């Protein structure tokens, strides 16, 4: 059987390597499209409806897990990733397979063999993965050589950091490619946009301090007791 396949990979060298390796499997894999970021991947997969996707986890826009959650079509999936094996133990029994970078023909061959052995049961594994990611609601974050999953209750606030966003827990912070607006949509009603540069979990606001009639700050309950600016437009949220 030849699988119509989409490749999702943002690194040019890795994409070229994957294409070169898959030439050896042209009787089993037909490349019909490629994408280098999350939004493009969702569009191409939904449009072309491939049977198989080689999906990098860490890609711009939003990551590979978020791509899966946005699909209205359910392909078979082989993850490609630079993360070590232990970082993906949670998915070991849920996905078809994952291939650790650097990619090689042997690794790809084993993944394709596994796919063929699983057959229709791979669909159930993708369903299980999506259920795992969505219940309870959580977001996934790449941090060094691991993937961190956070529920909204673990997030104290989010702040703009150059072209990126930094998510803050009680004691740690993680840099992500999602915008504050995207996180505001994902995280729910307890998160307030106090300023264009921050998004705050209201349950962790310790106090509102009025430094002047126009300058207010929110002091948070994180370990550093971070003080965040409140825009004049957001003052109405705390007036009584």
C-alpha atoms as a PDB file:
ATOM      1  CA  UNK A   1       0.000   0.000   0.000  1.00  0.00           C
ATOM      2  CA  UNK A   2       1.203   3.510  -0.850  1.00  0.00           C
ATOM      3  CA  UNK A   3       0.257   6.215   1.659  1.00  0.00           C
ATOM      4  CA  UNK A   4      -0.462   9.745   0.473  1.00  0.00           C
ATOM      5  CA  UNK A   5       1.776  11.694   2.820  1.00  0.00           C
ATOM      6  CA  UNK A   6       2.307  15.248   4.083  1.00  0.00           C
ATOM      7  CA  UNK A   7       5.615  16.261   5.676  1.00  0.00           C
ATOM      8  CA  UNK A   8       5.582  18.905   8.422  1.00  0.00           C
ATOM      9  CA  UNK A   9       9.048  20.179   9.309  1.00  0.00           C
ATOM     10  CA  UNK A  10      10.398  23.708   9.794  1.00  0.00           C
ATOM     11  CA  UNK A  11      14.121  22.923   9.520  1.00  0.00           C
ATOM     12  CA  UNK A  12      15.268  23.044   5.895  1.00  0.00           C
ATOM     13  CA  UNK A  13      18.026  20.465   6.397  1.00  0.00           C
ATOM     14  CA  UNK A  14      15.701  18.080   8.241  1.00  0.00           C
ATOM     15  CA  UNK A  15      13.045  18.434   5.537  1.00  0.00           C
ATOM     16  CA  UNK A  16      15.582  17.719   2.801  1.00  0.00           C
ATOM     17  CA  UNK A  17      16.875  14.723   4.740  1.00  0.00           C
ATOM     18  CA  UNK A  18      13.373  13.339   5.236  1.00  0.00           C
ATOM     19  CA  UNK A  19      12.534  13.729   1.546  1.00  0.00           C
ATOM     20  CA  UNK A  20      15.791  12.045   0.552  1.00  0.00           C
ATOM     21  CA  UNK A  21      15.197   9.108   2.897  1.00  0.00           C
ATOM     22  CA  UNK A  22      11.601   8.646   1.757  1.00  0.00           C
ATOM     23  CA  UNK A  23      12.764   8.158  -1.845  1.00  0.00           C
ATOM     24  CA  UNK A  24      13.814   4.704  -0.662  1.00  0.00           C
ATOM     25  CA  UNK A  25      10.202   4.049   0.320  1.00  0.00           C
ATOM     26  CA  UNK A  26       8.466   5.424  -2.772  1.00  0.00           C
ATOM     27  CA  UNK A  27       6.481   2.194  -3.085  1.00  0.00           C
ATOM     28  CA  UNK A  28       4.941   2.923   0.310  1.00  0.00           C
ATOM     29  CA  UNK A  29       5.021   6.709   0.665  1.00  0.00           C
ATOM     30  CA  UNK A  30       3.792   9.299  -1.851  1.00  0.00           C
ATOM     31  CA  UNK A  31       4.607  12.859  -0.772  1.00  0.00           C
ATOM     32  CA  UNK A  32       1.660  15.097  -1.718  1.00  0.00           C
ATOM     33  CA  UNK A  33       2.451  18.203   0.338  1.00  0.00           C
ATOM     34  CA  UNK A  34       4.728  19.885   2.858  1.00  0.00           C
ATOM     35  CA  UNK A  35       4.417  22.534   5.559  1.00  0.00           C
ATOM     36  CA  UNK A  36       6.892  24.388   7.757  1.00  0.00           C
ATOM     37  CA  UNK A  37       4.619  25.767  10.509  1.00  0.00           C
ATOM     38  CA  UNK A  38       1.492  24.939  12.469  1.00  0.00           C
ATOM     39  CA  UNK A  39      -1.118  27.022  10.596  1.00  0.00           C
ATOM     40  CA  UNK A  40       0.096  25.859   7.179  1.00  0.00           C
ATOM     41  CA  UNK A  41       0.146  22.256   8.370  1.00  0.00           C
ATOM     42  CA  UNK A  42      -3.479  22.419   9.487  1.00  0.00           C
ATOM     43  CA  UNK A  43      -4.547  23.980   6.172  1.00  0.00           C
ATOM     44  CA  UNK A  44      -2.673  21.509   3.977  1.00  0.00           C
ATOM     45  CA  UNK A  45      -3.704  18.415   5.928  1.00  0.00           C
ATOM     46  CA  UNK A  46      -7.364  19.431   5.998  1.00  0.00           C
ATOM     47  CA  UNK A  47      -7.268  20.230   2.280  1.00  0.00           C
ATOM     48  CA  UNK A  48      -5.298  17.247   0.944  1.00  0.00           C
ATOM     49  CA  UNK A  49      -6.553  14.663   3.446  1.00  0.00           C
ATOM     50  CA  UNK A  50      -3.386  12.534   3.419  1.00  0.00           C
ATOM     51  CA  UNK A  51      -3.353   9.059   4.874  1.00  0.00           C
ATOM     52  CA  UNK A  52      -0.074   9.695   6.678  1.00  0.00           C
ATOM     53  CA  UNK A  53       1.679  12.714   8.199  1.00  0.00           C
ATOM     54  CA  UNK A  54       5.294  12.946   9.315  1.00  0.00           C
ATOM     55  CA  UNK A  55       4.829  15.603  11.981  1.00  0.00           C
ATOM     56  CA  UNK A  56       7.580  17.548  13.714  1.00  0.00           C
ATOM     57  CA  UNK A  57       6.626  18.517  17.263  1.00  0.00           C
ATOM     58  CA  UNK A  58       8.467  21.810  17.624  1.00  0.00           C
ATOM     59  CA  UNK A  59       7.330  24.039  14.750  1.00  0.00           C
ATOM     60  CA  UNK A  60       6.491  27.770  14.511  1.00  0.00           C
ATOM     61  CA  UNK A  61       2.972  29.066  14.986  1.00  0.00           C
ATOM     62  CA  UNK A  62       1.868  26.233  17.248  1.00  0.00           C
ATOM     63  CA  UNK A  63       3.356  22.825  17.905  1.00  0.00           C
ATOM     64  CA  UNK A  64       2.591  19.417  16.445  1.00  0.00           C
ATOM     65  CA  UNK A  65       0.174  18.460  19.212  1.00  0.00           C
ATOM     66  CA  UNK A  66      -1.796  21.648  18.587  1.00  0.00           C
ATOM     67  CA  UNK A  67      -1.878  20.800  14.873  1.00  0.00           C
ATOM     68  CA  UNK A  68      -3.616  17.514  15.691  1.00  0.00           C
ATOM     69  CA  UNK A  69      -6.191  19.276  17.839  1.00  0.00           C
ATOM     70  CA  UNK A  70      -7.101  21.624  14.976  1.00  0.00           C
ATOM     71  CA  UNK A  71      -7.614  19.001  12.277  1.00  0.00           C
ATOM     72  CA  UNK A  72     -11.055  18.110  10.957  1.00  0.00           C
ATOM     73  CA  UNK A  73      -9.496  15.099   9.245  1.00  0.00           C
ATOM     74  CA  UNK A  74      -7.699  12.296  11.078  1.00  0.00           C
ATOM     75  CA  UNK A  75      -4.580  10.931   9.345  1.00  0.00           C
ATOM     76  CA  UNK A  76      -2.110   8.416  10.673  1.00  0.00           C
ATOM     77  CA  UNK A  77       0.829  10.170  12.320  1.00  0.00           C
ATOM     78  CA  UNK A  78       4.533   9.540  12.787  1.00  0.00           C
ATOM     79  CA  UNK A  79       6.129  12.202  14.964  1.00  0.00           C
ATOM     80  CA  UNK A  80       9.637  13.392  14.181  1.00  0.00           C
ATOM     81  CA  UNK A  81      11.395  15.063  17.075  1.00  0.00           C
ATOM     82  CA  UNK A  82      14.734  16.053  18.543  1.00  0.00           C
ATOM     83  CA  UNK A  83      13.484  15.355  22.083  1.00  0.00           C
ATOM     84  CA  UNK A  84      14.920  12.383  23.880  1.00  0.00           C
ATOM     85  CA  UNK A  85      12.909   9.212  24.279  1.00  0.00           C
ATOM     86  CA  UNK A  86      12.066   9.788  27.921  1.00  0.00           C
ATOM     87  CA  UNK A  87      10.358  13.086  27.099  1.00  0.00           C
ATOM     88  CA  UNK A  88       7.809  11.161  25.051  1.00  0.00           C
ATOM     89  CA  UNK A  89       7.121   8.248  27.377  1.00  0.00           C
ATOM     90  CA  UNK A  90       3.601   9.544  27.950  1.00  0.00           C
ATOM     91  CA  UNK A  91       2.803   8.943  24.275  1.00  0.00           C
ATOM     92  CA  UNK A  92       4.580   5.625  23.855  1.00  0.00           C
ATOM     93  CA  UNK A  93       1.349   3.667  23.794  1.00  0.00           C
ATOM     94  CA  UNK A  94      -0.733   6.342  22.089  1.00  0.00           C
ATOM     95  CA  UNK A  95       1.006   7.261  18.831  1.00  0.00           C
ATOM     96  CA  UNK A  96       1.931   5.135  15.856  1.00  0.00           C
ATOM     97  CA  UNK A  97       5.569   5.938  16.381  1.00  0.00           C
ATOM     98  CA  UNK A  98       8.033   8.734  16.809  1.00  0.00           C
ATOM     99  CA  UNK A  99      11.385   9.057  15.077  1.00  0.00           C
ATOM    100  CA  UNK A 100      14.214  10.743  16.932  1.00  0.00           C
ATOM    101  CA  UNK A 101      16.429  13.136  15.009  1.00  0.00           C
ATOM    102  CA  UNK A 102      18.835  12.853  13.302  1.00  0.00           C
ATOM    103  CA  UNK A 103      16.630  10.920  10.896  1.00  0.00           C
ATOM    104  CA  UNK A 104      17.860   7.775   9.195  1.00  0.00           C
ATOM    105  CA  UNK A 105      16.516   5.190   6.756  1.00  0.00           C
ATOM    106  CA  UNK A 106      16.539   2.517   9.469  1.00  0.00           C
ATOM    107  CA  UNK A 107      14.452   4.639  11.833  1.00  0.00           C
ATOM    108  CA  UNK A 108      11.955   5.517   9.096  1.00  0.00           C
ATOM    109  CA  UNK A 109      11.729   1.877   7.999  1.00  0.00           C
ATOM    110  CA  UNK A 110      10.870   0.756  11.534  1.00  0.00           C
ATOM    111  CA  UNK A 111       8.211   3.473  11.861  1.00  0.00           C
ATOM    112  CA  UNK A 112       6.579   2.513   8.556  1.00  0.00           C
ATOM    113  CA  UNK A 113       6.663  -1.176   9.486  1.00  0.00           C
ATOM    114  CA  UNK A 114       4.948  -0.356  12.764  1.00  0.00           C
ATOM    115  CA  UNK A 115       2.328   1.685  10.926  1.00  0.00           C
ATOM    116  CA  UNK A 116       1.538  -1.235   8.629  1.00  0.00           C
ATOM    117  CA  UNK A 117       1.302  -3.653  11.536  1.00  0.00           C
ATOM    118  CA  UNK A 118      -1.060  -1.410  13.471  1.00  0.00           C
ATOM    119  CA  UNK A 119      -3.421  -0.775  10.576  1.00  0.00           C
ATOM    120  CA  UNK A 120      -6.753   0.614  11.764  1.00  0.00           C
ATOM    121  CA  UNK A 121      -5.772   0.490  15.425  1.00  0.00           C
ATOM    122  CA  UNK A 122      -3.598   3.554  14.823  1.00  0.00           C
ATOM    123  CA  UNK A 123      -6.775   5.646  14.504  1.00  0.00           C
ATOM    124  CA  UNK A 124      -7.741   4.672  18.037  1.00  0.00           C
ATOM    125  CA  UNK A 125      -4.277   5.669  19.225  1.00  0.00           C
ATOM    126  CA  UNK A 126      -4.648   9.140  17.743  1.00  0.00           C
ATOM    127  CA  UNK A 127      -8.053   9.422  19.434  1.00  0.00           C
ATOM    128  CA  UNK A 128      -6.405   8.441  22.725  1.00  0.00           C
ATOM    129  CA  UNK A 129      -3.660  11.016  22.246  1.00  0.00           C
ATOM    130  CA  UNK A 130      -6.163  13.777  21.526  1.00  0.00           C
ATOM    131  CA  UNK A 131      -8.217  12.796  24.563  1.00  0.00           C
ATOM    132  CA  UNK A 132      -5.059  12.862  26.677  1.00  0.00           C
ATOM    133  CA  UNK A 133      -4.146  16.328  25.439  1.00  0.00           C
ATOM    134  CA  UNK A 134      -7.624  17.776  25.797  1.00  0.00           C
ATOM    135  CA  UNK A 135      -8.751  16.325  29.146  1.00  0.00           C
ATOM    136  CA  UNK A 136      -8.239  18.193  31.329  1.00  0.00           C
ATOM    137  CA  UNK A 137      -7.609  21.227  29.178  1.00  0.00           C
ATOM    138  CA  UNK A 138      -3.874  21.807  28.951  1.00  0.00           C
ATOM    139  CA  UNK A 139      -1.279  23.448  26.766  1.00  0.00           C
ATOM    140  CA  UNK A 140       2.010  21.909  25.733  1.00  0.00           C
ATOM    141  CA  UNK A 141       5.297  23.792  25.947  1.00  0.00           C
ATOM    142  CA  UNK A 142       8.729  22.889  24.616  1.00  0.00           C
ATOM    143  CA  UNK A 143      11.400  23.499  27.253  1.00  0.00           C
ATOM    144  CA  UNK A 144      14.968  22.423  26.553  1.00  0.00           C
ATOM    145  CA  UNK A 145      14.831  18.661  25.899  1.00  0.00           C
ATOM    146  CA  UNK A 146      11.383  18.041  27.346  1.00  0.00           C
ATOM    147  CA  UNK A 147       7.735  18.837  26.768  1.00  0.00           C
ATOM    148  CA  UNK A 148       5.872  20.442  29.658  1.00  0.00           C
ATOM    149  CA  UNK A 149       2.077  20.202  29.950  1.00  0.00           C
ATOM    150  CA  UNK A 150       0.333  22.877  31.999  1.00  0.00           C
ATOM    151  CA  UNK A 151      -3.294  23.236  32.994  1.00  0.00           C
ATOM    152  CA  UNK A 152      -4.665  26.789  33.264  1.00  0.00           C
ATOM    153  CA  UNK A 153      -4.671  26.567  37.072  1.00  0.00           C
ATOM    154  CA  UNK A 154      -0.891  26.150  37.036  1.00  0.00           C
ATOM    155  CA  UNK A 155      -0.391  29.387  35.073  1.00  0.00           C
ATOM    156  CA  UNK A 156      -0.149  32.587  37.110  1.00  0.00           C
ATOM    157  CA  UNK A 157       0.281  35.048  34.249  1.00  0.00           C
ATOM    158  CA  UNK A 158       1.616  35.471  30.710  1.00  0.00           C
ATOM    159  CA  UNK A 159       3.722  38.382  29.492  1.00  0.00           C
ATOM    160  CA  UNK A 160       5.006  39.643  26.164  1.00  0.00           C
ATOM    161  CA  UNK A 161       8.678  38.914  25.542  1.00  0.00           C
ATOM    162  CA  UNK A 162       9.897  40.481  22.296  1.00  0.00           C
ATOM    163  CA  UNK A 163       8.159  38.526  19.495  1.00  0.00           C
ATOM    164  CA  UNK A 164       7.214  35.710  21.864  1.00  0.00           C
ATOM    165  CA  UNK A 165       5.208  35.163  25.039  1.00  0.00           C
ATOM    166  CA  UNK A 166       6.492  34.010  28.407  1.00  0.00           C
ATOM    167  CA  UNK A 167       4.224  31.799  30.511  1.00  0.00           C
ATOM    168  CA  UNK A 168       4.807  32.086  34.258  1.00  0.00           C
ATOM    169  CA  UNK A 169       3.982  29.485  36.897  1.00  0.00           C
ATOM    170  CA  UNK A 170       4.612  29.900  40.625  1.00  0.00           C
ATOM    171  CA  UNK A 171       8.349  29.336  40.292  1.00  0.00           C
ATOM    172  CA  UNK A 172       9.188  28.938  36.591  1.00  0.00           C
ATOM    173  CA  UNK A 173       8.655  30.538  33.214  1.00  0.00           C
ATOM    174  CA  UNK A 174       8.545  29.167  29.666  1.00  0.00           C
ATOM    175  CA  UNK A 175       8.976  30.974  26.354  1.00  0.00           C
ATOM    176  CA  UNK A 176       6.380  30.043  23.712  1.00  0.00           C
ATOM    177  CA  UNK A 177       5.579  31.167  20.172  1.00  0.00           C
ATOM    178  CA  UNK A 178       1.883  31.723  20.865  1.00  0.00           C
ATOM    179  CA  UNK A 179       0.608  35.288  21.133  1.00  0.00           C
ATOM    180  CA  UNK A 180      -1.186  36.674  24.161  1.00  0.00           C
ATOM    181  CA  UNK A 181      -4.375  36.811  22.102  1.00  0.00           C
ATOM    182  CA  UNK A 182      -4.108  33.109  21.270  1.00  0.00           C
ATOM    183  CA  UNK A 183      -3.535  32.228  24.915  1.00  0.00           C
ATOM    184  CA  UNK A 184      -6.422  34.443  25.994  1.00  0.00           C
ATOM    185  CA  UNK A 185      -8.724  32.371  23.781  1.00  0.00           C
ATOM    186  CA  UNK A 186      -7.314  29.056  24.981  1.00  0.00           C
ATOM    187  CA  UNK A 187      -7.023  29.632  28.723  1.00  0.00           C
ATOM    188  CA  UNK A 188     -10.568  30.675  29.616  1.00  0.00           C
ATOM    189  CA  UNK A 189     -12.551  33.245  31.552  1.00  0.00           C
ATOM    190  CA  UNK A 190     -10.392  33.423  34.672  1.00  0.00           C
ATOM    191  CA  UNK A 191      -7.622  35.089  32.639  1.00  0.00           C
ATOM    192  CA  UNK A 192      -7.841  38.871  32.361  1.00  0.00           C
ATOM    193  CA  UNK A 193      -6.069  41.131  29.880  1.00  0.00           C
ATOM    194  CA  UNK A 194      -4.920  43.811  32.297  1.00  0.00           C
ATOM    195  CA  UNK A 195      -2.532  45.386  29.806  1.00  0.00           C
ATOM    196  CA  UNK A 196      -1.538  44.857  26.191  1.00  0.00           C
ATOM    197  CA  UNK A 197       1.647  43.238  27.520  1.00  0.00           C
ATOM    198  CA  UNK A 198       0.149  40.793  30.010  1.00  0.00           C
ATOM    199  CA  UNK A 199      -2.577  38.222  30.593  1.00  0.00           C
ATOM    200  CA  UNK A 200      -3.287  37.430  34.237  1.00  0.00           C
ATOM    201  CA  UNK A 201      -4.945  34.515  35.991  1.00  0.00           C
ATOM    202  CA  UNK A 202      -7.336  36.436  38.261  1.00  0.00           C
ATOM    203  CA  UNK A 203      -7.277  33.788  41.003  1.00  0.00           C
ATOM    204  CA  UNK A 204      -3.602  34.603  41.644  1.00  0.00           C
ATOM    205  CA  UNK A 205      -3.942  38.377  41.994  1.00  0.00           C
ATOM    206  CA  UNK A 206      -2.907  39.152  45.572  1.00  0.00           C
ATOM    207  CA  UNK A 207      -3.777  42.847  45.502  1.00  0.00           C
ATOM    208  CA  UNK A 208      -4.405  45.855  43.282  1.00  0.00           C
ATOM    209  CA  UNK A 209      -2.250  48.854  44.162  1.00  0.00           C
ATOM    210  CA  UNK A 210      -3.221  52.361  43.069  1.00  0.00           C
ATOM    211  CA  UNK A 211       0.021  54.290  42.760  1.00  0.00           C
ATOM    212  CA  UNK A 212      -1.847  57.315  41.381  1.00  0.00           C
ATOM    213  CA  UNK A 213      -5.190  58.053  39.777  1.00  0.00           C
ATOM    214  CA  UNK A 214      -3.893  56.722  36.453  1.00  0.00           C
ATOM    215  CA  UNK A 215      -1.170  54.254  37.466  1.00  0.00           C
ATOM    216  CA  UNK A 216      -2.319  50.945  38.923  1.00  0.00           C
ATOM    217  CA  UNK A 217      -0.475  47.660  39.314  1.00  0.00           C
ATOM    218  CA  UNK A 218      -1.458  44.089  40.156  1.00  0.00           C
ATOM    219  CA  UNK A 219       0.728  42.237  42.642  1.00  0.00           C
ATOM    220  CA  UNK A 220       0.700  38.507  41.955  1.00  0.00           C
ATOM    221  CA  UNK A 221       0.996  35.493  44.279  1.00  0.00           C
ATOM    222  CA  UNK A 222       3.924  33.900  42.444  1.00  0.00           C
ATOM    223  CA  UNK A 223       7.197  33.337  44.288  1.00  0.00           C
ATOM    224  CA  UNK A 224       8.582  36.738  43.211  1.00  0.00           C
ATOM    225  CA  UNK A 225       5.343  38.632  43.968  1.00  0.00           C
ATOM    226  CA  UNK A 226       5.574  40.083  40.470  1.00  0.00           C
ATOM    227  CA  UNK A 227       3.988  43.493  39.925  1.00  0.00           C
ATOM    228  CA  UNK A 228       2.223  43.957  36.598  1.00  0.00           C
ATOM    229  CA  UNK A 229       0.900  47.177  35.049  1.00  0.00           C
ATOM    230  CA  UNK A 230      -2.820  47.694  34.598  1.00  0.00           C
ATOM    231  CA  UNK A 231      -3.957  49.826  31.670  1.00  0.00           C
ATOM    232  CA  UNK A 232      -6.466  52.618  32.280  1.00  0.00           C
ATOM    233  CA  UNK A 233      -8.992  50.715  30.214  1.00  0.00           C
ATOM    234  CA  UNK A 234      -8.751  47.772  32.613  1.00  0.00           C
ATOM    235  CA  UNK A 235      -9.308  49.894  35.745  1.00  0.00           C
ATOM    236  CA  UNK A 236     -13.047  49.301  35.444  1.00  0.00           C
ATOM    237  CA  UNK A 237     -12.491  45.615  36.248  1.00  0.00           C
ATOM    238  CA  UNK A 238     -11.602  46.574  39.823  1.00  0.00           C
ATOM    239  CA  UNK A 239     -13.785  49.600  40.524  1.00  0.00           C
ATOM    240  CA  UNK A 240     -16.428  49.289  43.210  1.00  0.00           C
END
